[in-house]
Amino acid sequence: MSTEEIVMAANLYLTGESFRSLAPIYKVSHVTIKNNFSNKLKDIDYDLWTQVMEAIENKKLEKSLDNPVVQKRILKAYQLLTEKDLTVVEIAKELNSTEFTIYRDLKNRLEALHKISSDVVTKEMLEKVQKILTTHSANNRPVYLSLDKLFKKNSSKYTFLTRSILAFRLTLPTIKELFGYNEEFMQAKISELCQDYKHAYEYLFYYEYPNQEIAKKNFLDYYQKLNEAVARKNKEELDQLLLLITDKDFKEVRKRIIEKKESKPRDNQIILAYQLKYSYPSSLMAEYLDTSLNNYELRMNHLFAHNDLDQGRYEKLNEAWLKGNLMGGRK
């Protein structure tokens, strides 16, 4: 499918079309439609991708609520939270489920059930759940996310968190909400593990102000895939997922450009993602790619001519460096 066809199909999906109804229109399988939305649309139109992903999740949510087993689990989770004062982690163990599933039960599916049947799930029940979860978080009790299944060493957990912060644009209040670690603790870990990239965290926390609802959704989707790989005992899949928050793609692109003077269609997107992730100025990126600033800017302008989604972030970042708001950082 071409870029234009993917965008058109995505807009049709938002009007109510399904993967299967779109398939014959574009003469591809419904799996191809779904994969194009999940893997390619994000690089074409991020805002549209976000809307489509939300629509997919809503359809999954509606479908799951038709299952009496799911309804029973949701109400049982509510009972264990409100009557036994168990955390989401403890409820997951009690119900032989995952923390992510239980969190969705209490935060999303319970509210969806309320909309369907307000006499079964009342507004007061929703308010009670929100209050208890907030209290758990304030008391530094893990609300639902645990890294114990993914990493045995604390050092590996903190490395994962510091990398995820930059990769998904998570702020410290969001990390506290998700994992229970207070801001002072995480600041100390960043200073300990990421001294060379201190400016990147500074820019993220104090200048960028990214939308945390989008950041959380992207991270939670990623976190769920990690845990599913662990549940399936699929080490290869887990390793591939963990590589997504490293800089493997960029390092390969940089090496090829410098050594072979060869570029591929997705290179500019990967290069820009790296620049935005670490909040580097274009002058430093040009040096890193062994080219002139003018050539680097031409490369970015070519990208923005086809996809200007991150152009605002790019310009804001360079402006911050020109004004002297950022110091430090290395290649």
Protein backbone atom coordinates (compact mmCIF):
# COMPACT_ATOMS: atom_id res chain seq x y z
CA MET A 1 0.00 0.00 0.00
CA SER A 2 1.20 3.50 -0.80
CA THR A 3 1.48 6.25 1.82
CA GLU A 4 -1.67 7.91 0.46
CA GLU A 5 -3.62 4.63 0.58
CA ILE A 6 -2.59 3.98 4.19
CA VAL A 7 -3.74 7.47 5.23
CA MET A 8 -7.02 7.10 3.33
CA ALA A 9 -7.65 3.65 4.82
CA ALA A 10 -6.93 5.00 8.32
CA ASN A 11 -9.49 7.77 7.89
CA LEU A 12 -12.04 5.25 6.63
CA TYR A 13 -11.35 3.08 9.68
CA LEU A 14 -12.17 6.04 11.91
CA THR A 15 -15.55 6.36 10.18
CA GLY A 16 -16.46 2.81 11.18
CA GLU A 17 -14.89 0.55 8.57
CA SER A 18 -13.15 -2.62 9.78
CA PHE A 19 -9.88 -4.26 8.76
CA ARG A 20 -11.84 -6.86 6.81
CA SER A 21 -14.06 -4.34 4.99
CA LEU A 22 -11.00 -2.29 3.98
CA ALA A 23 -9.04 -5.30 2.69
CA PRO A 24 -10.89 -5.79 -0.64
CA ILE A 25 -10.83 -2.04 -1.34
CA TYR A 26 -7.02 -2.04 -1.41
CA LYS A 27 -6.66 -5.65 -2.63
CA VAL A 28 -4.64 -6.75 0.42
CA SER A 29 -5.38 -8.95 3.44
CA HIS A 30 -6.98 -7.58 6.60
CA VAL A 31 -3.71 -8.48 8.38
CA THR A 32 -1.81 -6.18 6.01
CA ILE A 33 -4.24 -3.36 6.78
CA LYS A 34 -3.73 -3.84 10.50
CA ASN A 35 0.07 -4.08 10.18
CA ASN A 36 0.23 -0.92 8.06
CA PHE A 37 -1.74 0.96 10.72
CA SER A 38 0.45 -0.36 13.54
CA ASN A 39 3.88 -0.14 11.90
CA LYS A 40 3.82 2.40 9.07
CA LEU A 41 1.16 4.98 9.90
CA LYS A 42 3.10 6.23 12.93
CA ASP A 43 5.91 7.51 10.68
CA ILE A 44 3.47 9.00 8.16
CA ASP A 45 1.03 10.87 10.41
CA TYR A 46 1.54 10.52 14.15
CA ASP A 47 -1.69 12.25 15.16
CA LEU A 48 -3.74 10.05 12.84
CA TRP A 49 -1.88 6.96 14.12
CA THR A 50 -2.77 7.94 17.70
CA GLN A 51 -6.46 8.25 16.78
CA VAL A 52 -6.45 4.89 14.99
CA MET A 53 -4.70 3.12 17.87
CA GLU A 54 -7.23 4.57 20.29
CA ALA A 55 -10.10 3.43 18.06
CA ILE A 56 -8.61 -0.08 17.90
CA GLU A 57 -8.30 -0.19 21.69
CA ASN A 58 -11.90 1.01 22.09
CA LYS A 59 -13.15 -1.74 19.79
CA LYS A 60 -11.17 -4.32 21.75
CA LEU A 61 -12.62 -2.92 24.95
CA GLU A 62 -16.20 -3.10 23.68
CA LYS A 63 -15.69 -6.66 22.45
CA SER A 64 -14.11 -7.82 25.71
CA LEU A 65 -17.04 -6.51 27.75
CA ASP A 66 -19.36 -8.95 25.97
CA ASN A 67 -17.44 -11.79 27.60
CA PRO A 68 -19.02 -12.78 30.97
CA VAL A 69 -15.63 -14.09 32.16
CA VAL A 70 -14.14 -10.63 31.66
CA GLN A 71 -17.06 -8.97 33.43
CA LYS A 72 -16.64 -11.32 36.38
CA ARG A 73 -12.89 -10.58 36.58
CA ILE A 74 -13.50 -6.82 36.51
CA LEU A 75 -15.97 -6.95 39.38
CA LYS A 76 -13.75 -9.35 41.35
CA ALA A 77 -10.81 -6.99 40.90
CA TYR A 78 -12.97 -4.15 42.18
CA GLN A 79 -13.93 -6.21 45.23
CA LEU A 80 -10.32 -7.12 46.07
CA LEU A 81 -9.22 -3.51 45.70
CA THR A 82 -12.00 -1.93 47.74
CA GLU A 83 -12.68 -4.61 50.35
CA LYS A 84 -9.27 -6.27 50.80
CA ASP A 85 -7.15 -3.18 49.99
CA LEU A 86 -4.91 -5.22 47.69
CA THR A 87 -2.65 -3.47 45.21
CA VAL A 88 -3.04 -4.16 41.51
CA VAL A 89 0.07 -6.33 41.62
CA GLU A 90 -1.47 -8.41 44.42
CA ILE A 91 -4.83 -8.61 42.63
CA ALA A 92 -3.10 -9.86 39.48
CA LYS A 93 -1.48 -12.68 41.46
CA GLU A 94 -4.77 -13.50 43.17
CA LEU A 95 -6.64 -13.72 39.84
CA ASN A 96 -3.77 -15.31 37.91
CA SER A 97 -3.65 -12.37 35.54
CA THR A 98 -1.19 -9.59 34.63
CA GLU A 99 -0.78 -6.22 36.33
CA PHE A 100 -1.51 -4.51 33.01
CA THR A 101 -4.80 -6.39 32.55
CA ILE A 102 -5.98 -5.64 36.09
CA TYR A 103 -5.06 -1.99 35.75
CA ARG A 104 -7.07 -1.77 32.53
CA ASP A 105 -9.94 -3.54 34.30
CA LEU A 106 -10.02 -0.95 37.07
CA LYS A 107 -9.24 2.16 35.04
CA ASN A 108 -10.89 1.51 31.67
CA ARG A 109 -13.18 -1.50 31.60
CA LEU A 110 -14.93 -0.65 34.87
CA GLU A 111 -15.81 2.77 33.48
CA ALA A 112 -16.98 1.18 30.24
CA LEU A 113 -19.23 -1.16 32.22
CA HIS A 114 -20.63 1.87 34.04
CA LYS A 115 -21.66 3.39 30.70
CA ILE A 116 -23.39 0.14 29.73
CA SER A 117 -25.02 -0.55 33.09
CA SER A 118 -24.83 2.21 35.69
CA ASP A 119 -26.83 0.17 38.19
CA VAL A 120 -24.18 -2.58 38.20
CA VAL A 121 -21.20 -0.21 38.23
CA THR A 122 -22.16 3.07 39.84
CA LYS A 123 -20.43 6.44 39.66
CA GLU A 124 -19.56 6.07 43.35
CA MET A 125 -17.70 2.83 42.57
CA LEU A 126 -15.59 4.61 39.94
CA GLU A 127 -14.76 7.44 42.35
CA LYS A 128 -13.81 4.94 45.04
CA VAL A 129 -11.41 3.11 42.72
CA GLN A 130 -9.74 6.35 41.67
CA LYS A 131 -9.29 7.44 45.28
CA ILE A 132 -7.78 4.11 46.36
CA LEU A 133 -5.37 3.92 43.42
CA THR A 134 -4.25 7.50 44.09
CA THR A 135 -3.68 6.65 47.75
CA HIS A 136 -1.62 3.58 46.85
CA SER A 137 0.55 5.69 44.56
CA ALA A 138 1.01 8.40 47.20
CA ASN A 139 2.12 5.76 49.71
CA ASN A 140 4.74 4.52 47.24
CA ARG A 141 2.92 1.21 46.77
CA PRO A 142 3.24 -0.12 43.24
CA VAL A 143 -0.13 0.48 41.62
CA TYR A 144 0.22 -1.92 38.73
CA LEU A 145 3.57 -1.91 36.97
CA SER A 146 6.36 -4.15 38.19
CA LEU A 147 9.70 -4.82 36.51
CA ASP A 148 10.46 -7.93 38.56
CA LYS A 149 9.41 -10.30 35.78
CA LEU A 150 11.57 -8.49 33.23
CA PHE A 151 14.77 -7.88 35.20
CA LYS A 152 16.43 -9.63 38.12
CA LYS A 153 18.91 -6.87 38.92
CA ASN A 154 17.91 -3.43 40.19
CA SER A 155 20.58 -1.87 37.97
CA SER A 156 18.84 -3.34 34.90
CA LYS A 157 15.48 -1.96 36.06
CA TYR A 158 16.85 1.56 36.44
CA THR A 159 18.65 1.41 33.10
CA PHE A 160 15.37 0.36 31.47
CA LEU A 161 13.51 3.23 33.14
CA THR A 162 16.04 5.91 32.23
CA ARG A 163 16.04 4.71 28.62
CA SER A 164 12.25 4.55 28.50
CA ILE A 165 11.96 8.11 29.80
CA LEU A 166 13.78 9.44 26.74
CA ALA A 167 12.36 6.94 24.24
CA PHE A 168 8.71 7.55 25.21
CA ARG A 169 9.05 11.14 26.56
CA LEU A 170 7.90 10.25 30.06
CA THR A 171 8.16 12.85 32.81
CA LEU A 172 9.11 12.14 36.43
CA PRO A 173 5.53 12.57 37.74
CA THR A 174 4.45 9.96 35.17
CA ILE A 175 7.17 7.54 36.32
CA LYS A 176 5.93 8.02 39.88
CA GLU A 177 2.37 7.34 38.79
CA LEU A 178 3.35 4.19 36.90
CA PHE A 179 6.02 2.70 39.15
CA GLY A 180 5.85 4.50 42.49
CA TYR A 181 9.41 5.87 42.38
CA ASN A 182 9.52 9.43 43.70
CA GLU A 183 11.04 12.21 41.63
CA GLU A 184 14.11 12.73 43.83
CA PHE A 185 15.00 9.04 43.57
CA MET A 186 14.73 9.04 39.77
CA GLN A 187 16.71 12.27 39.49
CA ALA A 188 19.48 10.58 41.46
CA LYS A 189 19.40 7.54 39.16
CA ILE A 190 19.56 9.75 36.07
CA SER A 191 22.58 11.57 37.50
CA GLU A 192 24.20 8.24 38.34
CA LEU A 193 23.54 6.41 35.07
CA CYS A 194 23.12 9.12 32.43
CA GLN A 195 25.54 11.92 33.25
CA ASP A 196 26.56 12.30 29.61
CA TYR A 197 22.94 12.91 28.59
CA LYS A 198 21.89 15.13 31.48
CA HIS A 199 20.94 17.93 29.06
CA ALA A 200 18.46 15.58 27.30
CA TYR A 201 16.52 14.97 30.52
CA GLU A 202 16.70 18.66 31.39
CA TYR A 203 15.18 19.60 28.06
CA LEU A 204 12.47 16.92 28.33
CA PHE A 205 11.45 17.87 31.87
CA TYR A 206 11.74 21.66 31.74
CA TYR A 207 11.35 22.78 28.10
CA GLU A 208 9.51 20.23 25.99
CA TYR A 209 6.38 19.55 28.09
CA PRO A 210 5.27 16.49 26.06
CA ASN A 211 1.69 15.25 26.19
CA GLN A 212 1.76 12.60 28.91
CA GLU A 213 -1.47 10.87 27.96
CA ILE A 214 0.03 10.00 24.58
CA ALA A 215 3.41 9.17 26.15
CA LYS A 216 1.78 6.85 28.71
CA LYS A 217 -0.33 5.08 26.10
CA ASN A 218 2.69 4.41 23.88
CA PHE A 219 4.74 3.17 26.81
CA LEU A 220 1.95 0.98 28.20
CA ASP A 221 1.43 -0.66 24.82
CA TYR A 222 5.17 -1.40 24.74
CA TYR A 223 5.17 -2.63 28.33
CA GLN A 224 2.32 -5.03 27.59
CA LYS A 225 4.25 -6.52 24.66
CA LEU A 226 7.27 -7.03 26.92
CA ASN A 227 5.21 -8.90 29.48
CA GLU A 228 3.49 -10.99 26.83
CA ALA A 229 6.92 -12.04 25.54
CA VAL A 230 7.93 -13.00 29.08
CA ALA A 231 4.71 -14.98 29.55
CA ARG A 232 5.42 -16.89 26.33
CA LYS A 233 9.04 -17.39 27.45
CA ASN A 234 10.10 -15.98 24.09
CA LYS A 235 13.58 -14.61 24.79
CA GLU A 236 14.24 -13.67 21.17
CA GLU A 237 11.09 -11.55 21.02
CA LEU A 238 11.91 -9.96 24.37
CA ASP A 239 15.43 -9.07 23.24
CA GLN A 240 14.08 -7.52 20.04
CA LEU A 241 11.59 -5.42 22.01
CA LEU A 242 14.27 -4.21 24.41
CA LEU A 243 16.41 -3.16 21.43
CA LEU A 244 13.68 -0.66 20.50
CA ILE A 245 14.73 1.68 23.33
CA THR A 246 18.41 1.49 22.41
CA ASP A 247 20.11 3.35 19.54
CA LYS A 248 20.86 0.30 17.38
CA ASP A 249 18.99 1.62 14.31
CA PHE A 250 20.71 4.98 14.40
CA LYS A 251 24.17 3.49 14.87
CA GLU A 252 23.64 1.27 11.83
CA VAL A 253 22.42 4.22 9.74
CA ARG A 254 25.34 6.41 10.84
CA LYS A 255 27.90 3.72 10.04
CA ARG A 256 26.43 3.12 6.58
CA ILE A 257 26.24 6.84 5.73
CA ILE A 258 29.81 7.53 6.83
CA GLU A 259 31.47 4.40 5.51
CA LYS A 260 29.45 3.67 2.37
CA LYS A 261 27.97 7.12 1.63
CA GLU A 262 24.67 5.29 1.19
CA SER A 263 21.22 6.47 2.31
CA LYS A 264 17.88 4.67 2.49
CA PRO A 265 14.31 6.09 2.57
CA ARG A 266 13.78 5.75 6.35
CA ASP A 267 17.21 7.10 7.34
CA ASN A 268 16.07 10.69 7.86
CA GLN A 269 13.24 9.59 10.16
CA ILE A 270 15.65 7.50 12.24
CA ILE A 271 18.19 10.35 12.39
CA LEU A 272 15.56 12.87 13.47
CA ALA A 273 14.20 10.48 16.12
CA TYR A 274 17.71 10.18 17.57
CA GLN A 275 18.19 13.97 17.58
CA LEU A 276 14.85 14.55 19.32
CA LYS A 277 15.45 11.72 21.78
CA TYR A 278 18.74 13.18 23.00
CA SER A 279 17.89 16.85 22.36
CA TYR A 280 20.98 17.50 20.26
CA PRO A 281 21.40 20.65 18.13
CA SER A 282 21.59 20.20 14.37
CA SER A 283 25.21 21.38 14.39
CA LEU A 284 26.20 18.44 16.57
CA MET A 285 24.17 16.00 14.49
CA ALA A 286 25.93 17.25 11.35
CA GLU A 287 29.28 16.65 13.01
CA TYR A 288 28.15 13.22 14.10
CA LEU A 289 27.25 12.29 10.51
CA ASP A 290 30.46 13.79 9.16
CA THR A 291 28.65 16.37 7.04
CA SER A 292 28.09 20.11 6.96
CA LEU A 293 25.32 21.87 8.87
CA ASN A 294 23.85 23.01 5.56
CA ASN A 295 23.68 19.43 4.23
CA TYR A 296 22.13 18.21 7.47
CA GLU A 297 19.45 20.90 7.33
CA LEU A 298 18.76 20.01 3.70
CA ARG A 299 18.29 16.39 4.81
CA MET A 300 15.75 17.46 7.45
CA ASN A 301 13.95 19.82 5.07
CA HIS A 302 13.55 16.94 2.63
CA LEU A 303 11.98 14.87 5.41
CA PHE A 304 9.62 17.66 6.47
CA ALA A 305 8.50 18.18 2.89
CA HIS A 306 6.97 14.68 3.06
CA ASN A 307 6.18 14.47 6.77
CA ASP A 308 6.19 17.62 8.90
CA LEU A 309 4.85 15.95 12.05
CA ASP A 310 7.95 16.61 14.16
CA GLN A 311 9.05 19.82 12.48
CA GLY A 312 7.78 21.94 15.35
CA ARG A 313 9.72 19.90 17.91
CA TYR A 314 12.84 20.10 15.73
CA GLU A 315 12.65 23.89 15.39
CA LYS A 316 11.88 24.39 19.08
CA LEU A 317 14.89 22.26 20.06
CA ASN A 318 17.32 24.17 17.85
CA GLU A 319 15.91 27.45 19.11
CA ALA A 320 16.57 26.37 22.69
CA TRP A 321 20.21 25.70 21.85
CA LEU A 322 20.59 29.02 20.03
CA LYS A 323 19.21 30.86 23.05
CA GLY A 324 21.67 29.08 25.32
CA ASN A 325 18.97 27.30 27.31
CA LEU A 326 20.83 23.98 27.04
CA MET A 327 24.38 23.14 27.93
CA GLY A 328 26.49 20.01 27.63
CA GLY A 329 25.74 16.77 25.87
CA ARG A 330 28.01 14.65 23.74
CA LYS A 331 27.73 12.55 20.64
